[in-house]
Structure formats: structure tokens, C-alpha cells
Amino acid sequence: MIDIQSKLAKANSPGFERWAKTYNLKEIAQTVLWMKEHGISDVENLAVECNAAVERYHELADRTKVNEVRMKEIAELQRQIGT
């Protein structure tokens, strides 16, 4: 979300203030809809979902690192086979 007060101090434009308020409201609405779609009704459920997403991210990151190492090994083997 955009910090309207700090941006207003820089921009000093009523048009920007209106846009920023509208943008923030749209972002909040999207967040609420996403939470309803996923059955998240309170902060505890949100924390559980966030922790699950973080764990999944770390699992995927670890798998990606392993795959990158394997791809480098395969590339080296292909280079050696070519020579």
C-alpha cells in the first residue's frame, strides 16, 4: 500500500491524493476477497497460511538450487562429450 501522507508531502497534488486513496481501497478489497476465497476469517488463520506459504517457498528454493547444480553438471558432461 502507498503511504499517502509521505507521498503528498512530495507530490502536493489533490489528483495524486485521490488516486492513492482509490488504489489503497482497491488493494484492500482484493485482499479481503482473496481471504474470503481461501476461507481465512481471522488473523490466526492468516498466520497459518503465511507460514505454510513460506515453508513451500523454501522447499521450492531448495529444489531449485539442487536442480541448478545438476544442470551445471549435465552441461559440463555435454561439453566433455562434444570434445
PDB file of N, CA and C in Angstrom:
ATOM      1  N   MET A   1       0.840  -1.181   0.000  1.00  0.00           N
ATOM      2  CA  MET A   1       0.000   0.000   0.000  1.00  0.00           C
ATOM      3  C   MET A   1       0.885   1.245   0.000  1.00  0.00           C
ATOM      4  N   ILE A   2       0.314   2.286  -0.493  1.00  0.00           N
ATOM      5  CA  ILE A   2       1.066   3.529  -0.637  1.00  0.00           C
ATOM      6  C   ILE A   2       0.859   4.380   0.611  1.00  0.00           C
ATOM      7  N   ASP A   3       1.941   4.907   1.142  1.00  0.00           N
ATOM      8  CA  ASP A   3       1.866   5.820   2.279  1.00  0.00           C
ATOM      9  C   ASP A   3       1.484   7.199   1.735  1.00  0.00           C
ATOM     10  N   ILE A   4       0.208   7.502   1.862  1.00  0.00           N
ATOM     11  CA  ILE A   4      -0.332   8.709   1.236  1.00  0.00           C
ATOM     12  C   ILE A   4       0.308   9.972   1.806  1.00  0.00           C
ATOM     13  N   GLN A   5       0.487  10.033   3.113  1.00  0.00           N
ATOM     14  CA  GLN A   5       0.995  11.252   3.729  1.00  0.00           C
ATOM     15  C   GLN A   5       2.403  11.600   3.254  1.00  0.00           C
ATOM     16  N   SER A   6       3.286  10.614   3.181  1.00  0.00           N
ATOM     17  CA  SER A   6       4.654  10.920   2.749  1.00  0.00           C
ATOM     18  C   SER A   6       4.691  11.295   1.274  1.00  0.00           C
ATOM     19  N   LYS A   7       3.861  10.644   0.462  1.00  0.00           N
ATOM     20  CA  LYS A   7       3.833  10.972  -0.962  1.00  0.00           C
ATOM     21  C   LYS A   7       3.195  12.336  -1.194  1.00  0.00           C
ATOM     22  N   LEU A   8       2.197  12.698  -0.375  1.00  0.00           N
ATOM     23  CA  LEU A   8       1.567  14.005  -0.527  1.00  0.00           C
ATOM     24  C   LEU A   8       2.556  15.125  -0.237  1.00  0.00           C
ATOM     25  N   ALA A   9       3.419  14.896   0.734  1.00  0.00           N
ATOM     26  CA  ALA A   9       4.405  15.914   1.060  1.00  0.00           C
ATOM     27  C   ALA A   9       5.315  16.170  -0.141  1.00  0.00           C
ATOM     28  N   LYS A  10       5.572  15.119  -0.916  1.00  0.00           N
ATOM     29  CA  LYS A  10       6.429  15.268  -2.092  1.00  0.00           C
ATOM     30  C   LYS A  10       5.639  15.778  -3.295  1.00  0.00           C
ATOM     31  N   ALA A  11       4.488  15.172  -3.556  1.00  0.00           N
ATOM     32  CA  ALA A  11       3.732  15.486  -4.767  1.00  0.00           C
ATOM     33  C   ALA A  11       2.882  16.735  -4.598  1.00  0.00           C
ATOM     34  N   ASN A  12       2.218  16.885  -3.433  1.00  0.00           N
ATOM     35  CA  ASN A  12       1.366  18.034  -3.136  1.00  0.00           C
ATOM     36  C   ASN A  12       0.336  18.248  -4.244  1.00  0.00           C
ATOM     37  N   SER A  13      -0.362  17.155  -4.589  1.00  0.00           N
ATOM     38  CA  SER A  13      -1.335  17.213  -5.670  1.00  0.00           C
ATOM     39  C   SER A  13      -2.633  16.552  -5.226  1.00  0.00           C
ATOM     40  N   PRO A  14      -3.782  17.242  -5.370  1.00  0.00           N
ATOM     41  CA  PRO A  14      -5.056  16.629  -4.997  1.00  0.00           C
ATOM     42  C   PRO A  14      -5.396  15.430  -5.881  1.00  0.00           C
ATOM     43  N   GLY A  15      -4.970  15.461  -7.122  1.00  0.00           N
ATOM     44  CA  GLY A  15      -5.211  14.336  -8.020  1.00  0.00           C
ATOM     45  C   GLY A  15      -4.477  13.089  -7.554  1.00  0.00           C
ATOM     46  N   PHE A  16      -3.256  13.280  -7.098  1.00  0.00           N
ATOM     47  CA  PHE A  16      -2.488  12.150  -6.594  1.00  0.00           C
ATOM     48  C   PHE A  16      -3.127  11.590  -5.329  1.00  0.00           C
ATOM     49  N   GLU A  17      -3.591  12.465  -4.464  1.00  0.00           N
ATOM     50  CA  GLU A  17      -4.232  12.009  -3.222  1.00  0.00           C
ATOM     51  C   GLU A  17      -5.450  11.150  -3.540  1.00  0.00           C
ATOM     52  N   ARG A  18      -6.254  11.594  -4.486  1.00  0.00           N
ATOM     53  CA  ARG A  18      -7.438  10.823  -4.869  1.00  0.00           C
ATOM     54  C   ARG A  18      -7.040   9.471  -5.453  1.00  0.00           C
ATOM     55  N   TRP A  19      -6.040   9.479  -6.335  1.00  0.00           N
ATOM     56  CA  TRP A  19      -5.583   8.228  -6.938  1.00  0.00           C
ATOM     57  C   TRP A  19      -5.053   7.271  -5.875  1.00  0.00           C
ATOM     58  N   ALA A  20      -4.256   7.785  -4.932  1.00  0.00           N
ATOM     59  CA  ALA A  20      -3.664   6.937  -3.902  1.00  0.00           C
ATOM     60  C   ALA A  20      -4.738   6.327  -3.007  1.00  0.00           C
ATOM     61  N   LYS A  21      -5.737   7.105  -2.647  1.00  0.00           N
ATOM     62  CA  LYS A  21      -6.825   6.574  -1.818  1.00  0.00           C
ATOM     63  C   LYS A  21      -7.591   5.483  -2.563  1.00  0.00           C
ATOM     64  N   THR A  22      -7.865   5.726  -3.831  1.00  0.00           N
ATOM     65  CA  THR A  22      -8.563   4.725  -4.641  1.00  0.00           C
ATOM     66  C   THR A  22      -7.728   3.464  -4.775  1.00  0.00           C
ATOM     67  N   TYR A  23      -6.450   3.618  -5.021  1.00  0.00           N
ATOM     68  CA  TYR A  23      -5.547   2.479  -5.159  1.00  0.00           C
ATOM     69  C   TYR A  23      -5.529   1.651  -3.875  1.00  0.00           C
ATOM     70  N   ASN A  24      -5.390   2.321  -2.741  1.00  0.00           N
ATOM     71  CA  ASN A  24      -5.357   1.609  -1.459  1.00  0.00           C
ATOM     72  C   ASN A  24      -6.662   0.865  -1.204  1.00  0.00           C
ATOM     73  N   LEU A  25      -7.795   1.483  -1.521  1.00  0.00           N
ATOM     74  CA  LEU A  25      -9.082   0.817  -1.322  1.00  0.00           C
ATOM     75  C   LEU A  25      -9.206  -0.419  -2.213  1.00  0.00           C
ATOM     76  N   LYS A  26      -8.737  -0.317  -3.451  1.00  0.00           N
ATOM     77  CA  LYS A  26      -8.783  -1.468  -4.355  1.00  0.00           C
ATOM     78  C   LYS A  26      -7.902  -2.597  -3.841  1.00  0.00           C
ATOM     79  N   GLU A  27      -6.730  -2.271  -3.339  1.00  0.00           N
ATOM     80  CA  GLU A  27      -5.831  -3.297  -2.799  1.00  0.00           C
ATOM     81  C   GLU A  27      -6.444  -3.978  -1.569  1.00  0.00           C
ATOM     82  N   ILE A  28      -7.067  -3.199  -0.711  1.00  0.00           N
ATOM     83  CA  ILE A  28      -7.723  -3.763   0.470  1.00  0.00           C
ATOM     84  C   ILE A  28      -8.868  -4.678   0.040  1.00  0.00           C
ATOM     85  N   ALA A  29      -9.648  -4.251  -0.935  1.00  0.00           N
ATOM     86  CA  ALA A  29     -10.765  -5.062  -1.417  1.00  0.00           C
ATOM     87  C   ALA A  29     -10.257  -6.385  -2.010  1.00  0.00           C
ATOM     88  N   GLN A  30      -9.194  -6.348  -2.786  1.00  0.00           N
ATOM     89  CA  GLN A  30      -8.630  -7.571  -3.345  1.00  0.00           C
ATOM     90  C   GLN A  30      -8.141  -8.506  -2.245  1.00  0.00           C
ATOM     91  N   THR A  31      -7.551  -7.938  -1.217  1.00  0.00           N
ATOM     92  CA  THR A  31      -7.067  -8.745  -0.097  1.00  0.00           C
ATOM     93  C   THR A  31      -8.216  -9.420   0.629  1.00  0.00           C
ATOM     94  N   VAL A  32      -9.282  -8.678   0.883  1.00  0.00           N
ATOM     95  CA  VAL A  32     -10.444  -9.243   1.564  1.00  0.00           C
ATOM     96  C   VAL A  32     -11.077 -10.341   0.724  1.00  0.00           C
ATOM     97  N   LEU A  33     -11.209 -10.131  -0.581  1.00  0.00           N
ATOM     98  CA  LEU A  33     -11.764 -11.164  -1.461  1.00  0.00           C
ATOM     99  C   LEU A  33     -10.900 -12.415  -1.460  1.00  0.00           C
ATOM    100  N   TRP A  34      -9.591 -12.243  -1.521  1.00  0.00           N
ATOM    101  CA  TRP A  34      -8.692 -13.387  -1.504  1.00  0.00           C
ATOM    102  C   TRP A  34      -8.846 -14.165  -0.202  1.00  0.00           C
ATOM    103  N   MET A  35      -8.948 -13.440   0.902  1.00  0.00           N
ATOM    104  CA  MET A  35      -9.103 -14.099   2.204  1.00  0.00           C
ATOM    105  C   MET A  35     -10.415 -14.866   2.268  1.00  0.00           C
ATOM    106  N   LYS A  36     -11.488 -14.302   1.732  1.00  0.00           N
ATOM    107  CA  LYS A  36     -12.779 -15.000   1.727  1.00  0.00           C
ATOM    108  C   LYS A  36     -12.723 -16.245   0.845  1.00  0.00           C
ATOM    109  N   GLU A  37     -12.079 -16.127  -0.325  1.00  0.00           N
ATOM    110  CA  GLU A  37     -11.969 -17.267  -1.236  1.00  0.00           C
ATOM    111  C   GLU A  37     -11.199 -18.422  -0.609  1.00  0.00           C
ATOM    112  N   HIS A  38     -10.236 -18.109   0.245  1.00  0.00           N
ATOM    113  CA  HIS A  38      -9.407 -19.131   0.859  1.00  0.00           C
ATOM    114  C   HIS A  38      -9.877 -19.503   2.270  1.00  0.00           C
ATOM    115  N   GLY A  39     -11.023 -19.002   2.665  1.00  0.00           N
ATOM    116  CA  GLY A  39     -11.602 -19.365   3.956  1.00  0.00           C
ATOM    117  C   GLY A  39     -10.836 -18.839   5.153  1.00  0.00           C
ATOM    118  N   ILE A  40     -10.183 -17.729   4.993  1.00  0.00           N
ATOM    119  CA  ILE A  40      -9.430 -17.130   6.095  1.00  0.00           C
ATOM    120  C   ILE A  40     -10.318 -16.074   6.750  1.00  0.00           C
ATOM    121  N   SER A  41     -10.660 -16.329   8.009  1.00  0.00           N
ATOM    122  CA  SER A  41     -11.595 -15.427   8.673  1.00  0.00           C
ATOM    123  C   SER A  41     -10.974 -14.651   9.820  1.00  0.00           C
ATOM    124  N   ASP A  42      -9.771 -15.035  10.255  1.00  0.00           N
ATOM    125  CA  ASP A  42      -9.139 -14.302  11.346  1.00  0.00           C
ATOM    126  C   ASP A  42      -7.621 -14.282  11.167  1.00  0.00           C
ATOM    127  N   VAL A  43      -6.970 -13.552  12.042  1.00  0.00           N
ATOM    128  CA  VAL A  43      -5.534 -13.353  11.938  1.00  0.00           C
ATOM    129  C   VAL A  43      -4.772 -14.666  12.138  1.00  0.00           C
ATOM    130  N   GLU A  44      -5.270 -15.525  13.016  1.00  0.00           N
ATOM    131  CA  GLU A  44      -4.582 -16.797  13.266  1.00  0.00           C
ATOM    132  C   GLU A  44      -4.556 -17.660  12.003  1.00  0.00           C
ATOM    133  N   ASN A  45      -5.687 -17.730  11.301  1.00  0.00           N
ATOM    134  CA  ASN A  45      -5.723 -18.486  10.043  1.00  0.00           C
ATOM    135  C   ASN A  45      -4.787 -17.873   9.001  1.00  0.00           C
ATOM    136  N   LEU A  46      -4.744 -16.558   8.971  1.00  0.00           N
ATOM    137  CA  LEU A  46      -3.852 -15.876   8.034  1.00  0.00           C
ATOM    138  C   LEU A  46      -2.398 -16.202   8.349  1.00  0.00           C
ATOM    139  N   ALA A  47      -2.046 -16.219   9.631  1.00  0.00           N
ATOM    140  CA  ALA A  47      -0.680 -16.552  10.030  1.00  0.00           C
ATOM    141  C   ALA A  47      -0.327 -17.978   9.630  1.00  0.00           C
ATOM    142  N   VAL A  48      -1.269 -18.900   9.801  1.00  0.00           N
ATOM    143  CA  VAL A  48      -1.033 -20.293   9.410  1.00  0.00           C
ATOM    144  C   VAL A  48      -0.805 -20.380   7.906  1.00  0.00           C
ATOM    145  N   GLU A  49      -1.639 -19.709   7.125  1.00  0.00           N
ATOM    146  CA  GLU A  49      -1.484 -19.717   5.670  1.00  0.00           C
ATOM    147  C   GLU A  49      -0.153 -19.096   5.243  1.00  0.00           C
ATOM    148  N   CYS A  50       0.234 -18.015   5.900  1.00  0.00           N
ATOM    149  CA  CYS A  50       1.504 -17.355   5.570  1.00  0.00           C
ATOM    150  C   CYS A  50       2.681 -18.268   5.876  1.00  0.00           C
ATOM    151  N   ASN A  51       2.635 -18.931   7.023  1.00  0.00           N
ATOM    152  CA  ASN A  51       3.719 -19.847   7.383  1.00  0.00           C
ATOM    153  C   ASN A  51       3.803 -21.007   6.399  1.00  0.00           C
ATOM    154  N   ALA A  52       2.647 -21.525   5.986  1.00  0.00           N
ATOM    155  CA  ALA A  52       2.636 -22.610   5.001  1.00  0.00           C
ATOM    156  C   ALA A  52       3.231 -22.143   3.679  1.00  0.00           C
ATOM    157  N   ALA A  53       2.898 -20.926   3.270  1.00  0.00           N
ATOM    158  CA  ALA A  53       3.435 -20.383   2.015  1.00  0.00           C
ATOM    159  C   ALA A  53       4.947 -20.185   2.115  1.00  0.00           C
ATOM    160  N   VAL A  54       5.421 -19.725   3.253  1.00  0.00           N
ATOM    161  CA  VAL A  54       6.859 -19.524   3.447  1.00  0.00           C
ATOM    162  C   VAL A  54       7.583 -20.863   3.388  1.00  0.00           C
ATOM    163  N   GLU A  55       7.038 -21.877   4.051  1.00  0.00           N
ATOM    164  CA  GLU A  55       7.654 -23.204   4.017  1.00  0.00           C
ATOM    165  C   GLU A  55       7.696 -23.747   2.589  1.00  0.00           C
ATOM    166  N   ARG A  56       6.606 -23.588   1.860  1.00  0.00           N
ATOM    167  CA  ARG A  56       6.548 -24.057   0.465  1.00  0.00           C
ATOM    168  C   ARG A  56       7.586 -23.317  -0.381  1.00  0.00           C
ATOM    169  N   TYR A  57       7.718 -22.018  -0.155  1.00  0.00           N
ATOM    170  CA  TYR A  57       8.705 -21.220  -0.883  1.00  0.00           C
ATOM    171  C   TYR A  57      10.113 -21.751  -0.631  1.00  0.00           C
ATOM    172  N   HIS A  58      10.434 -22.020   0.638  1.00  0.00           N
ATOM    173  CA  HIS A  58      11.770 -22.510   0.973  1.00  0.00           C
ATOM    174  C   HIS A  58      12.022 -23.895   0.374  1.00  0.00           C
ATOM    175  N   GLU A  59      11.011 -24.748   0.374  1.00  0.00           N
ATOM    176  CA  GLU A  59      11.146 -26.059  -0.254  1.00  0.00           C
ATOM    177  C   GLU A  59      11.453 -25.923  -1.746  1.00  0.00           C
ATOM    178  N   LEU A  60      10.698 -25.052  -2.409  1.00  0.00           N
ATOM    179  CA  LEU A  60      10.913 -24.845  -3.845  1.00  0.00           C
ATOM    180  C   LEU A  60      12.274 -24.223  -4.121  1.00  0.00           C
ATOM    181  N   ALA A  61      12.707 -23.300  -3.277  1.00  0.00           N
ATOM    182  CA  ALA A  61      14.011 -22.668  -3.453  1.00  0.00           C
ATOM    183  C   ALA A  61      15.121 -23.701  -3.306  1.00  0.00           C
ATOM    184  N   ASP A  62      14.987 -24.592  -2.324  1.00  0.00           N
ATOM    185  CA  ASP A  62      15.989 -25.640  -2.137  1.00  0.00           C
ATOM    186  C   ASP A  62      16.027 -26.576  -3.340  1.00  0.00           C
ATOM    187  N   ARG A  63      14.850 -26.965  -3.832  1.00  0.00           N
ATOM    188  CA  ARG A  63      14.788 -27.841  -5.007  1.00  0.00           C
ATOM    189  C   ARG A  63      15.400 -27.165  -6.229  1.00  0.00           C
ATOM    190  N   THR A  64      15.160 -25.867  -6.360  1.00  0.00           N
ATOM    191  CA  THR A  64      15.707 -25.119  -7.482  1.00  0.00           C
ATOM    192  C   THR A  64      17.233 -25.105  -7.425  1.00  0.00           C
ATOM    193  N   LYS A  65      17.784 -24.908  -6.234  1.00  0.00           N
ATOM    194  CA  LYS A  65      19.244 -24.907  -6.090  1.00  0.00           C
ATOM    195  C   LYS A  65      19.827 -26.261  -6.467  1.00  0.00           C
ATOM    196  N   VAL A  66      19.190 -27.336  -6.022  1.00  0.00           N
ATOM    197  CA  VAL A  66      19.655 -28.680  -6.361  1.00  0.00           C
ATOM    198  C   VAL A  66      19.586 -28.889  -7.870  1.00  0.00           C
ATOM    199  N   ASN A  67      18.492 -28.459  -8.486  1.00  0.00           N
ATOM    200  CA  ASN A  67      18.341 -28.607  -9.932  1.00  0.00           C
ATOM    201  C   ASN A  67      19.372 -27.795 -10.701  1.00  0.00           C
ATOM    202  N   GLU A  68      19.707 -26.605 -10.207  1.00  0.00           N
ATOM    203  CA  GLU A  68      20.712 -25.782 -10.878  1.00  0.00           C
ATOM    204  C   GLU A  68      22.072 -26.458 -10.845  1.00  0.00           C
ATOM    205  N   VAL A  69      22.413 -27.054  -9.706  1.00  0.00           N
ATOM    206  CA  VAL A  69      23.683 -27.767  -9.608  1.00  0.00           C
ATOM    207  C   VAL A  69      23.701 -28.928 -10.597  1.00  0.00           C
ATOM    208  N   ARG A  70      22.609 -29.672 -10.646  1.00  0.00           N
ATOM    209  CA  ARG A  70      22.530 -30.816 -11.564  1.00  0.00           C
ATOM    210  C   ARG A  70      22.618 -30.354 -13.016  1.00  0.00           C
ATOM    211  N   MET A  71      21.984 -29.236 -13.349  1.00  0.00           N
ATOM    212  CA  MET A  71      22.042 -28.721 -14.715  1.00  0.00           C
ATOM    213  C   MET A  71      23.471 -28.321 -15.090  1.00  0.00           C
ATOM    214  N   LYS A  72      24.221 -27.753 -14.133  1.00  0.00           N
ATOM    215  CA  LYS A  72      25.623 -27.414 -14.405  1.00  0.00           C
ATOM    216  C   LYS A  72      26.441 -28.678 -14.652  1.00  0.00           C
ATOM    217  N   GLU A  73      26.166 -29.727 -13.867  1.00  0.00           N
ATOM    218  CA  GLU A  73      26.879 -30.988 -14.071  1.00  0.00           C
ATOM    219  C   GLU A  73      26.580 -31.555 -15.459  1.00  0.00           C
ATOM    220  N   ILE A  74      25.324 -31.509 -15.853  1.00  0.00           N
ATOM    221  CA  ILE A  74      24.930 -32.031 -17.164  1.00  0.00           C
ATOM    222  C   ILE A  74      25.561 -31.203 -18.278  1.00  0.00           C
ATOM    223  N   ALA A  75      25.588 -29.894 -18.114  1.00  0.00           N
ATOM    224  CA  ALA A  75      26.198 -29.033 -19.129  1.00  0.00           C
ATOM    225  C   ALA A  75      27.681 -29.357 -19.277  1.00  0.00           C
ATOM    226  N   GLU A  76      28.357 -29.589 -18.157  1.00  0.00           N
ATOM    227  CA  GLU A  76      29.773 -29.948 -18.207  1.00  0.00           C
ATOM    228  C   GLU A  76      29.966 -31.291 -18.908  1.00  0.00           C
ATOM    229  N   LEU A  77      29.107 -32.246 -18.610  1.00  0.00           N
ATOM    230  CA  LEU A  77      29.189 -33.543 -19.284  1.00  0.00           C
ATOM    231  C   LEU A  77      28.958 -33.406 -20.782  1.00  0.00           C
ATOM    232  N   GLN A  78      27.991 -32.592 -21.174  1.00  0.00           N
ATOM    233  CA  GLN A  78      27.733 -32.378 -22.598  1.00  0.00           C
ATOM    234  C   GLN A  78      28.935 -31.737 -23.278  1.00  0.00           C
ATOM    235  N   ARG A  79      29.559 -30.804 -22.585  1.00  0.00           N
ATOM    236  CA  ARG A  79      30.745 -30.153 -23.149  1.00  0.00           C
ATOM    237  C   ARG A  79      31.864 -31.166 -23.345  1.00  0.00           C
ATOM    238  N   GLN A  80      32.059 -32.033 -22.361  1.00  0.00           N
ATOM    239  CA  GLN A  80      33.114 -33.045 -22.453  1.00  0.00           C
ATOM    240  C   GLN A  80      32.802 -34.069 -23.546  1.00  0.00           C
ATOM    241  N   ILE A  81      31.545 -34.435 -23.682  1.00  0.00           N
ATOM    242  CA  ILE A  81      31.157 -35.376 -24.743  1.00  0.00           C
ATOM    243  C   ILE A  81      31.396 -34.747 -26.113  1.00  0.00           C
ATOM    244  N   GLY A  82      31.135 -33.483 -26.239  1.00  0.00           N
ATOM    245  CA  GLY A  82      31.328 -32.788 -27.507  1.00  0.00           C
ATOM    246  C   GLY A  82      32.778 -32.715 -27.908  1.00  0.00           C
ATOM    247  N   THR A  83      33.683 -32.628 -26.936  1.00  0.00           N
ATOM    248  CA  THR A  83      35.100 -32.547 -27.274  1.00  0.00           C
ATOM    249  C   THR A  83      35.638 -33.944 -27.408  1.00  0.00           C
TER     250      THR A  83
END
